[in-house]
Amino acid sequence: MSIATDDTPAMPLPAAKEAPPPPPRLPRRMRRIYSLEDLEPAARRFLPRPIFGYVEGGAETNASRGDARAAFEEIGLVPRILVDVSSRSLATELMGERWEMPFGIAPMGVSALTGYRGDLSLARAAEAAGIPMVISAASLIPLEEIRAAAPRVWYQAYLPREEEEILALLARVERAGIGTLVVTVDTAVVPSRENNLRTGYKTPLKPNLSLLLDGLTHPAWAAGTFLRTFLRHGNPHFENAGPGRGAPLLSRQAVRDFSGREFLDWDMLHRVRARWKGRLVLKGLLHPGDVALAREAGCDAVVLSSHGGRQLDYAISPLRVLAAAKAVSGGMPLMLDSGIRRGTDILKAFGLGADFVFLGRPMNYASALGGEAGVAHAIGLMRTQLRADLGMMGLLSMAEMGPGQLLHDGFRQLPG
C-alpha cells in the first residue's frame, strides 16, 4: 500500500514492526509467591527430596548457612524523612559496566536438574532485567549456548589441576566472548556432604529404584524437567568444568570430582592474571588479609562469600567482615553473597561497604518452579522491595547508603 497526492509520487508505508514475543506465563504454583522466602517451601513440595536437599543444605551442622542470615537480622536501619525521593534509581555501576539493579544471580551447579534448562532460564531472565548472571563450572548446558542467550553473562571457574588445562579453559571462555572470569577459591578441599547423604543425593546420579520412586512421587518435576530434558537433549553432561565436555549426569561409572585443588596458590592466580585479559574476580574470600592479596594480584573485584554455608561449617557471614575488607580494598569493588533474601539486606550490605551483591538459592528455586517467568518474578519482587526500601530510607541511589544509616553494637553507633 502507498500514499500519493497529485503532486507527489507514491511513497510506501513503513512496514509494520513485528510484535515482541509475549513474556513467559507465570505458572499457577508461583502465583502466591510474594517474597523470596516463599520460594523455599514451594520448592520443597515440588522437588524430589534428594534434589531439594542438595540445593537447600549446607555443610555439617548448617551453622555457617545460619550465620549468613543471622548477621543481617542483627542490624537495624535508620531512615531519614522529608526527602524528595521521586527520582530515585537502583542503577549501579560495577567495573565500568552499568547494571539496572545492584544485584545479580550467583553461580549454581546443576541448575538444569532442578529446573528445565535452568541455566538458560536464569541467564535470559537476568539479561532481560539488566543484571549479571554467573555461569557455574558445574552447569549442564555449554557456556557458549548460555552466552548466546545472554551476552553479558559471567563465567565462574573451578580451576583444573594442570596449568595446560587452565590455559585451555581460559581460551575457551575468551572465544565464547565472556568478559568476566570469576575464580572460586574456597573449594580446595571437599567438605563434609553428610546432609546430601541423608537426603540420598549423589553426583553423578545413579539409576536405581530410589530415583524412580522420587520421580513417581513428584510427577510435575519428573515430567516437566527430568524426562523432558532426557527426551529432548539426552543425558546431560557437566559441560563447563574444563576445556572439554565433562562426565554425564546420569551414570553408573562416571565420577564427578571437583576436588584435588589443594595445590592452588597465589602464584597460580598470578599466572591466571597474566593470561586472562578480561575482568578477573576472586570469589570465596572471608579474611581481610586475602582481600589485600587479591588487590595486589591485580584482581578487578572480589566476592566475599561463605559459599552459602556449603563449605566450611562455622565460617562466618561475609557481612561480618565487610567493613574490615573495605578498609584494605584500596578502592577495589567488593561484592557479597550468602544469605540475602530482602531488599533491606542489600541496603545493609551497601551500608557496610558492598558495591554489589548476588543471590543464589532463591533464584534456583524460582527457576525450578517457574522457569524463566519464575526467575523474572523473583527478580521483580526484589526490585519492588528494594525500590520501596530505598525511598523509605530517604535515599536517591544505592551509592548514598552508608554506615550512618545502620545501627548495631558490633557494626555502628548512631552519631550524636
Protein backbone atom coordinates (compact mmCIF):
# COMPACT_ATOMS: atom_id res chain seq x y z
CA MET A 1 0.00 0.00 0.00
CA SER A 2 1.20 3.56 -0.68
CA ILE A 3 0.08 7.13 -0.14
CA ALA A 4 0.19 9.65 -3.01
CA THR A 5 -1.19 13.05 -4.00
CA ASP A 6 -1.49 14.65 -7.41
CA ASP A 7 1.84 16.40 -6.91
CA THR A 8 3.98 13.76 -5.20
CA PRO A 9 4.99 10.26 -6.15
CA ALA A 10 3.63 7.37 -4.20
CA MET A 11 5.60 6.58 -1.03
CA PRO A 12 5.44 3.15 0.55
CA LEU A 13 4.13 2.95 4.06
CA PRO A 14 6.71 1.75 6.59
CA ALA A 15 6.48 -1.92 7.28
CA ALA A 16 4.68 -2.81 10.47
CA LYS A 17 7.06 -3.71 13.28
CA GLU A 18 6.92 -7.28 14.42
CA ALA A 19 5.45 -7.50 17.91
CA PRO A 20 7.85 -8.81 20.57
CA PRO A 21 7.03 -12.27 21.86
CA PRO A 22 4.84 -12.22 24.97
CA PRO A 23 6.64 -12.80 28.26
CA PRO A 24 6.53 -16.37 29.58
CA ARG A 25 3.44 -17.06 31.64
CA LEU A 26 3.88 -17.48 35.37
CA PRO A 27 2.79 -20.98 36.44
CA ARG A 28 -0.07 -21.33 38.87
CA ARG A 29 2.25 -22.79 41.51
CA MET A 30 4.04 -19.42 41.73
CA ARG A 31 1.06 -17.10 41.91
CA ARG A 32 1.14 -16.99 45.70
CA ILE A 33 4.87 -16.28 45.86
CA TYR A 34 5.05 -12.81 47.42
CA SER A 35 8.64 -12.82 48.69
CA LEU A 36 11.83 -14.80 48.19
CA GLU A 37 11.19 -16.63 51.47
CA ASP A 38 8.02 -18.09 49.95
CA LEU A 39 10.08 -19.92 47.33
CA GLU A 40 11.77 -22.46 49.60
CA PRO A 41 8.65 -24.20 50.99
CA ALA A 42 7.14 -24.25 47.49
CA ALA A 43 10.32 -25.81 46.09
CA ARG A 44 10.37 -28.35 48.92
CA ARG A 45 6.95 -29.60 47.79
CA PHE A 46 7.82 -29.53 44.08
CA LEU A 47 11.28 -31.13 44.02
CA PRO A 48 12.25 -34.69 44.99
CA ARG A 49 13.83 -34.86 48.43
CA PRO A 50 17.42 -35.52 47.21
CA ILE A 51 17.31 -32.68 44.67
CA PHE A 52 15.81 -30.18 47.09
CA GLY A 53 18.23 -31.28 49.81
CA TYR A 54 21.21 -30.66 47.54
CA VAL A 55 20.17 -27.04 46.98
CA GLU A 56 18.91 -26.27 50.47
CA GLY A 57 21.54 -27.93 52.63
CA GLY A 58 24.81 -26.59 53.96
CA ALA A 59 27.90 -28.21 55.40
CA GLU A 60 27.77 -30.35 58.54
CA THR A 61 25.62 -28.56 61.19
CA ASN A 62 24.46 -25.76 58.87
CA ALA A 63 25.97 -23.24 61.29
CA SER A 64 27.63 -21.23 58.53
CA ARG A 65 24.42 -21.15 56.49
CA GLY A 66 22.56 -19.94 59.57
CA ASP A 67 25.05 -17.18 60.35
CA ALA A 68 24.71 -15.83 56.83
CA ARG A 69 21.12 -14.90 57.75
CA ALA A 70 21.72 -14.06 61.39
CA ALA A 71 24.18 -11.29 60.58
CA PHE A 72 21.59 -9.40 58.54
CA GLU A 73 18.99 -9.74 61.29
CA GLU A 74 21.30 -8.11 63.84
CA ILE A 75 21.43 -4.76 62.03
CA GLY A 76 18.82 -2.03 62.19
CA LEU A 77 18.15 0.69 59.63
CA VAL A 78 17.93 4.40 60.49
CA PRO A 79 15.87 6.24 57.85
CA ARG A 80 15.70 9.97 57.10
CA ILE A 81 12.40 11.69 56.30
CA LEU A 82 11.03 14.54 54.20
CA VAL A 83 13.41 13.82 51.34
CA ASP A 84 12.12 14.06 47.76
CA VAL A 85 12.84 10.52 46.52
CA SER A 86 10.66 10.62 43.40
CA SER A 87 13.73 10.38 41.14
CA ARG A 88 15.44 7.51 42.95
CA SER A 89 17.19 4.83 40.88
CA LEU A 90 18.55 1.34 41.51
CA ALA A 91 21.04 1.56 38.63
CA THR A 92 24.56 0.63 39.73
CA GLU A 93 27.97 0.84 38.06
CA LEU A 94 30.41 -2.02 38.61
CA MET A 95 33.83 -2.50 36.99
CA GLY A 96 32.95 0.01 34.28
CA GLU A 97 29.56 -1.53 33.42
CA ARG A 98 26.11 -0.20 34.21
CA TRP A 99 23.53 -2.58 35.66
CA GLU A 100 19.87 -1.81 36.23
CA MET A 101 19.94 -3.12 39.80
CA PRO A 102 22.64 -3.69 42.44
CA PHE A 103 22.30 -7.46 42.50
CA GLY A 104 22.92 -10.44 40.23
CA ILE A 105 22.45 -14.20 40.14
CA ALA A 106 25.21 -16.28 41.73
CA PRO A 107 26.70 -19.38 40.04
CA MET A 108 24.84 -22.56 40.95
CA GLY A 109 25.70 -26.08 39.80
CA VAL A 110 23.25 -28.46 38.13
CA SER A 111 20.56 -25.76 37.80
CA ALA A 112 19.28 -27.66 34.76
CA LEU A 113 18.45 -30.57 37.07
CA THR A 114 16.25 -28.55 39.42
CA GLY A 115 14.54 -26.68 36.57
CA TYR A 116 14.22 -27.46 32.86
CA ARG A 117 17.19 -25.83 31.07
CA GLY A 118 17.68 -23.92 34.28
CA ASP A 119 20.89 -22.12 33.34
CA LEU A 120 19.16 -20.63 30.30
CA SER A 121 16.14 -19.59 32.37
CA LEU A 122 18.41 -17.81 34.84
CA ALA A 123 20.52 -16.18 32.14
CA ARG A 124 17.61 -14.97 30.00
CA ALA A 125 15.71 -13.51 32.92
CA ALA A 126 18.86 -11.75 34.13
CA GLU A 127 19.57 -10.38 30.67
CA ALA A 128 16.02 -9.04 30.35
CA ALA A 129 16.28 -7.38 33.76
CA GLY A 130 19.69 -5.85 33.07
CA ILE A 131 21.57 -7.71 35.81
CA PRO A 132 24.50 -10.18 35.63
CA MET A 133 24.18 -13.95 35.89
CA VAL A 134 27.26 -16.09 36.58
CA ILE A 135 27.56 -19.44 34.77
CA SER A 136 28.68 -22.23 37.08
CA ALA A 137 31.55 -24.54 36.20
CA ALA A 138 29.21 -27.32 37.38
CA SER A 139 26.42 -26.38 34.96
CA LEU A 140 24.85 -28.79 32.48
CA ILE A 141 24.45 -26.51 29.45
CA PRO A 142 27.50 -25.39 27.42
CA LEU A 143 28.68 -21.92 28.32
CA GLU A 144 28.68 -20.99 24.63
CA GLU A 145 24.94 -21.64 24.43
CA ILE A 146 24.23 -19.68 27.59
CA ARG A 147 26.33 -16.76 26.42
CA ALA A 148 24.48 -16.70 23.09
CA ALA A 149 21.21 -16.32 25.01
CA ALA A 150 22.59 -13.68 27.39
CA PRO A 151 25.67 -11.85 26.06
CA ARG A 152 26.57 -10.18 29.39
CA VAL A 153 26.92 -13.37 31.47
CA TRP A 154 29.99 -14.02 33.59
CA TYR A 155 31.73 -17.40 33.97
CA GLN A 156 32.78 -18.97 37.27
CA ALA A 157 35.71 -21.42 37.19
CA TYR A 158 36.93 -24.19 39.43
CA LEU A 159 40.46 -24.21 38.11
CA PRO A 160 41.61 -27.62 36.79
CA ARG A 161 44.67 -29.39 38.17
CA GLU A 162 47.06 -28.91 35.27
CA GLU A 163 48.16 -25.46 34.12
CA GLU A 164 47.80 -26.57 30.49
CA GLU A 165 44.12 -27.33 31.17
CA ILE A 166 43.68 -23.98 32.90
CA LEU A 167 45.04 -22.14 29.88
CA ALA A 168 42.82 -24.15 27.53
CA LEU A 169 39.79 -23.35 29.68
CA LEU A 170 40.61 -19.63 29.67
CA ALA A 171 40.96 -19.76 25.89
CA ARG A 172 37.53 -21.40 25.61
CA VAL A 173 35.90 -18.74 27.77
CA GLU A 174 37.61 -16.00 25.78
CA ARG A 175 36.44 -17.48 22.46
CA ALA A 176 32.90 -17.54 23.78
CA GLY A 177 33.06 -13.76 24.23
CA ILE A 178 32.71 -13.75 28.01
CA GLY A 179 34.47 -10.77 29.53
CA THR A 180 34.32 -11.51 33.29
CA LEU A 181 36.02 -14.54 34.82
CA VAL A 182 35.14 -15.47 38.42
CA VAL A 183 37.61 -17.84 40.07
CA THR A 184 36.13 -19.61 43.09
CA VAL A 185 38.84 -20.26 45.68
CA ASP A 186 37.07 -21.72 48.72
CA THR A 187 36.73 -25.25 47.31
CA ALA A 188 40.29 -26.58 47.52
CA VAL A 189 39.06 -29.37 49.82
CA VAL A 190 35.75 -31.22 49.54
CA PRO A 191 33.60 -30.54 52.62
CA SER A 192 31.51 -32.99 54.57
CA ARG A 193 28.44 -33.82 52.47
CA GLU A 194 26.59 -35.66 55.23
CA ASN A 195 23.40 -33.68 54.56
CA ASN A 196 23.45 -34.84 50.95
CA LEU A 197 23.91 -38.41 52.12
CA ARG A 198 20.93 -38.11 54.43
CA THR A 199 18.68 -36.98 51.59
CA GLY A 200 20.12 -39.50 49.12
CA TYR A 201 21.78 -37.07 46.70
CA LYS A 202 24.91 -38.05 44.78
CA THR A 203 26.59 -36.75 41.64
CA PRO A 204 26.63 -38.21 39.14
CA LEU A 205 23.14 -39.55 39.79
CA LYS A 206 22.92 -43.33 39.97
CA PRO A 207 20.00 -45.03 38.17
CA ASN A 208 18.19 -47.03 40.86
CA LEU A 209 14.81 -47.74 42.41
CA SER A 210 15.05 -44.76 44.76
CA LEU A 211 15.48 -42.39 41.82
CA LEU A 212 12.44 -43.93 40.13
CA LEU A 213 10.31 -43.56 43.26
CA ASP A 214 11.35 -39.94 43.67
CA GLY A 215 10.12 -39.28 40.16
CA LEU A 216 6.79 -41.04 40.73
CA THR A 217 6.10 -39.04 43.89
CA HIS A 218 6.95 -35.72 42.21
CA PRO A 219 5.32 -36.07 38.77
CA ALA A 220 5.41 -32.37 37.80
CA TRP A 221 9.20 -32.26 38.21
CA ALA A 222 9.67 -35.74 36.71
CA ALA A 223 7.71 -34.93 33.55
CA GLY A 224 8.48 -31.23 33.21
CA THR A 225 12.19 -31.29 33.99
CA PHE A 226 13.75 -34.74 34.20
CA LEU A 227 12.05 -36.65 31.39
CA ARG A 228 11.70 -33.56 29.21
CA THR A 229 15.45 -32.98 29.44
CA PHE A 230 16.37 -36.55 28.54
CA LEU A 231 13.86 -36.81 25.71
CA ARG A 232 14.87 -33.54 24.09
CA HIS A 233 18.57 -33.29 24.89
CA GLY A 234 19.79 -36.70 26.01
CA ASN A 235 21.81 -37.45 29.12
CA PRO A 236 23.17 -34.09 30.40
CA HIS A 237 26.89 -33.70 30.97
CA PHE A 238 28.95 -31.39 33.14
CA GLU A 239 29.74 -29.11 30.25
CA ASN A 240 31.84 -26.30 31.67
CA ALA A 241 34.28 -27.63 34.26
CA GLY A 242 37.18 -27.71 31.80
CA PRO A 243 38.15 -27.01 28.22
CA GLY A 244 36.10 -30.01 27.00
CA ARG A 245 32.95 -31.89 27.90
CA GLY A 246 32.84 -33.48 31.34
CA ALA A 247 31.15 -36.51 32.86
CA PRO A 248 27.49 -37.39 32.23
CA LEU A 249 25.00 -36.56 34.95
CA LEU A 250 23.31 -39.96 34.97
CA SER A 251 25.84 -42.76 35.01
CA ARG A 252 26.89 -45.81 37.00
CA GLN A 253 30.54 -45.48 36.09
CA ALA A 254 31.37 -41.79 35.77
CA VAL A 255 32.90 -39.99 38.73
CA ARG A 256 32.44 -36.27 39.09
CA ASP A 257 35.38 -34.86 41.05
CA PHE A 258 35.80 -31.15 41.57
CA SER A 259 38.29 -31.84 44.35
CA GLY A 260 42.05 -32.09 44.12
CA ARG A 261 42.70 -28.36 44.20
CA GLU A 262 44.86 -28.42 47.28
CA PHE A 263 47.77 -27.32 45.11
CA LEU A 264 46.22 -23.95 44.16
CA ASP A 265 48.06 -20.92 45.50
CA TRP A 266 48.64 -17.22 44.85
CA ASP A 267 51.36 -17.98 42.31
CA MET A 268 48.79 -19.83 40.21
CA LEU A 269 46.43 -16.86 40.46
CA HIS A 270 49.19 -14.54 39.28
CA ARG A 271 49.67 -16.75 36.23
CA VAL A 272 45.93 -16.67 35.53
CA ARG A 273 46.00 -12.88 35.82
CA ALA A 274 48.87 -12.69 33.34
CA ARG A 275 46.96 -14.82 30.81
CA TRP A 276 43.41 -13.53 31.27
CA LYS A 277 42.89 -10.10 29.69
CA GLY A 278 39.29 -9.57 30.81
CA ARG A 279 37.90 -8.69 34.22
CA LEU A 280 39.11 -11.07 36.94
CA VAL A 281 37.03 -11.62 40.08
CA LEU A 282 38.04 -13.77 43.06
CA LYS A 283 35.14 -15.45 44.88
CA GLY A 284 35.09 -17.12 48.29
CA LEU A 285 37.17 -14.78 50.45
CA LEU A 286 36.40 -14.04 54.11
CA HIS A 287 39.70 -12.84 55.59
CA PRO A 288 40.60 -9.16 55.01
CA GLY A 289 44.23 -10.21 54.51
CA ASP A 290 43.18 -12.22 51.46
CA VAL A 291 41.29 -9.21 50.10
CA ALA A 292 44.52 -7.21 50.27
CA LEU A 293 46.41 -10.00 48.49
CA ALA A 294 43.76 -10.15 45.77
CA ARG A 295 44.15 -6.43 45.17
CA GLU A 296 47.93 -6.81 44.96
CA ALA A 297 47.49 -9.70 42.50
CA GLY A 298 45.62 -7.44 40.10
CA CYS A 299 42.08 -8.70 40.62
CA ASP A 300 39.38 -6.33 39.45
CA ALA A 301 36.99 -7.24 42.28
CA VAL A 302 36.30 -9.88 44.92
CA VAL A 303 33.18 -11.65 46.17
CA LEU A 304 33.10 -12.10 49.93
CA SER A 305 31.33 -15.42 50.33
CA SER A 306 30.83 -18.39 52.63
CA HIS A 307 29.56 -20.38 49.63
CA GLY A 308 26.07 -20.21 51.10
CA GLY A 309 27.33 -22.18 54.10
CA ARG A 310 28.19 -25.16 51.90
CA GLN A 311 31.94 -25.40 52.51
CA LEU A 312 33.47 -24.75 55.94
CA ASP A 313 30.94 -25.10 58.73
CA TYR A 314 31.07 -22.22 61.23
CA ALA A 315 32.66 -19.97 58.61
CA ILE A 316 31.35 -16.52 59.49
CA SER A 317 28.92 -14.49 57.45
CA PRO A 318 30.60 -12.35 54.77
CA LEU A 319 28.64 -9.40 56.15
CA ARG A 320 30.63 -9.54 59.38
CA VAL A 321 33.96 -8.95 57.61
CA LEU A 322 32.72 -6.44 55.05
CA ALA A 323 33.83 -3.28 56.88
CA ALA A 324 37.30 -4.71 57.58
CA ALA A 325 37.62 -5.83 53.96
CA LYS A 326 36.64 -2.35 52.80
CA ALA A 327 39.45 -0.84 54.84
CA VAL A 328 42.11 -2.80 52.91
CA SER A 329 40.47 -2.96 49.48
CA GLY A 330 42.15 0.16 48.13
CA GLY A 331 39.04 1.03 46.14
CA MET A 332 38.73 -2.42 44.55
CA PRO A 333 35.00 -3.29 44.29
CA LEU A 334 33.68 -5.59 46.99
CA MET A 335 30.77 -7.91 46.21
CA LEU A 336 28.97 -10.21 48.60
CA ASP A 337 26.74 -13.28 48.56
CA SER A 338 25.26 -15.72 51.10
CA GLY A 339 22.01 -15.14 52.98
CA ILE A 340 20.45 -12.26 51.03
CA ARG A 341 16.66 -12.54 50.90
CA ARG A 342 15.27 -8.99 51.07
CA GLY A 343 15.79 -5.50 49.74
CA THR A 344 16.71 -4.39 53.25
CA ASP A 345 19.52 -7.00 53.25
CA ILE A 346 21.00 -5.33 50.17
CA LEU A 347 20.78 -1.90 51.84
CA LYS A 348 22.60 -3.25 54.91
CA ALA A 349 25.36 -4.75 52.74
CA PHE A 350 25.82 -1.46 50.89
CA GLY A 351 25.84 0.41 54.18
CA LEU A 352 28.83 -1.65 55.30
CA GLY A 353 30.73 -1.12 52.06
CA ALA A 354 29.49 -3.57 49.42
CA ASP A 355 29.41 -2.43 45.81
CA PHE A 356 27.20 -5.28 44.57
CA VAL A 357 25.55 -8.48 45.84
CA PHE A 358 24.49 -11.87 44.46
CA LEU A 359 21.55 -14.15 45.21
CA GLY A 360 21.70 -17.93 44.89
CA ARG A 361 19.19 -20.42 46.30
CA PRO A 362 16.03 -18.31 45.81
CA MET A 363 16.77 -17.89 42.12
CA ASN A 364 17.38 -21.63 41.79
CA TYR A 365 14.00 -22.33 43.39
CA ALA A 366 12.33 -19.76 41.13
CA SER A 367 13.80 -21.44 38.05
CA ALA A 368 12.66 -24.87 39.24
CA LEU A 369 9.12 -23.68 39.94
CA GLY A 370 8.55 -21.37 37.01
CA GLY A 371 11.40 -21.37 34.50
CA GLU A 372 12.32 -18.00 33.01
CA ALA A 373 9.00 -16.50 34.12
CA GLY A 374 9.65 -17.68 37.67
CA VAL A 375 13.11 -16.11 37.75
CA ALA A 376 11.72 -12.87 36.29
CA HIS A 377 9.07 -12.89 39.02
CA ALA A 378 11.69 -13.33 41.75
CA ILE A 379 13.82 -10.53 40.30
CA GLY A 380 10.73 -8.34 40.14
CA LEU A 381 9.95 -8.99 43.80
CA MET A 382 13.44 -7.86 44.79
CA ARG A 383 13.22 -4.83 42.52
CA THR A 384 9.92 -3.75 44.07
CA GLN A 385 11.14 -4.30 47.62
CA LEU A 386 14.46 -2.54 47.12
CA ARG A 387 12.96 0.46 45.34
CA ALA A 388 10.44 0.91 48.16
CA ASP A 389 13.11 0.41 50.84
CA LEU A 390 15.44 2.94 49.19
CA GLY A 391 12.68 5.52 49.16
CA MET A 392 11.71 4.87 52.79
CA MET A 393 15.37 5.34 53.75
CA GLY A 394 15.24 8.80 52.16
CA LEU A 395 17.87 7.92 49.55
CA LEU A 396 18.06 8.54 45.81
CA SER A 397 20.64 5.87 44.93
CA MET A 398 22.44 2.90 46.40
CA ALA A 399 25.63 4.98 46.49
CA GLU A 400 24.07 7.18 49.18
CA MET A 401 23.66 4.23 51.57
CA GLY A 402 26.39 4.37 54.23
CA PRO A 403 27.24 3.29 57.78
CA GLY A 404 25.41 6.33 59.18
CA GLN A 405 22.11 4.64 58.25
CA LEU A 406 22.89 1.49 60.29
CA LEU A 407 22.68 0.72 63.98
CA HIS A 408 24.21 -2.29 65.73
CA ASP A 409 26.59 -2.67 68.65
CA GLY A 410 29.08 -4.58 66.55
CA PHE A 411 28.73 -2.53 63.37
CA ARG A 412 27.96 1.14 64.00
CA GLN A 413 26.79 3.57 66.68
CA LEU A 414 24.48 6.45 65.79
CA PRO A 415 26.18 9.86 65.65
CA GLY A 416 25.28 12.23 68.45
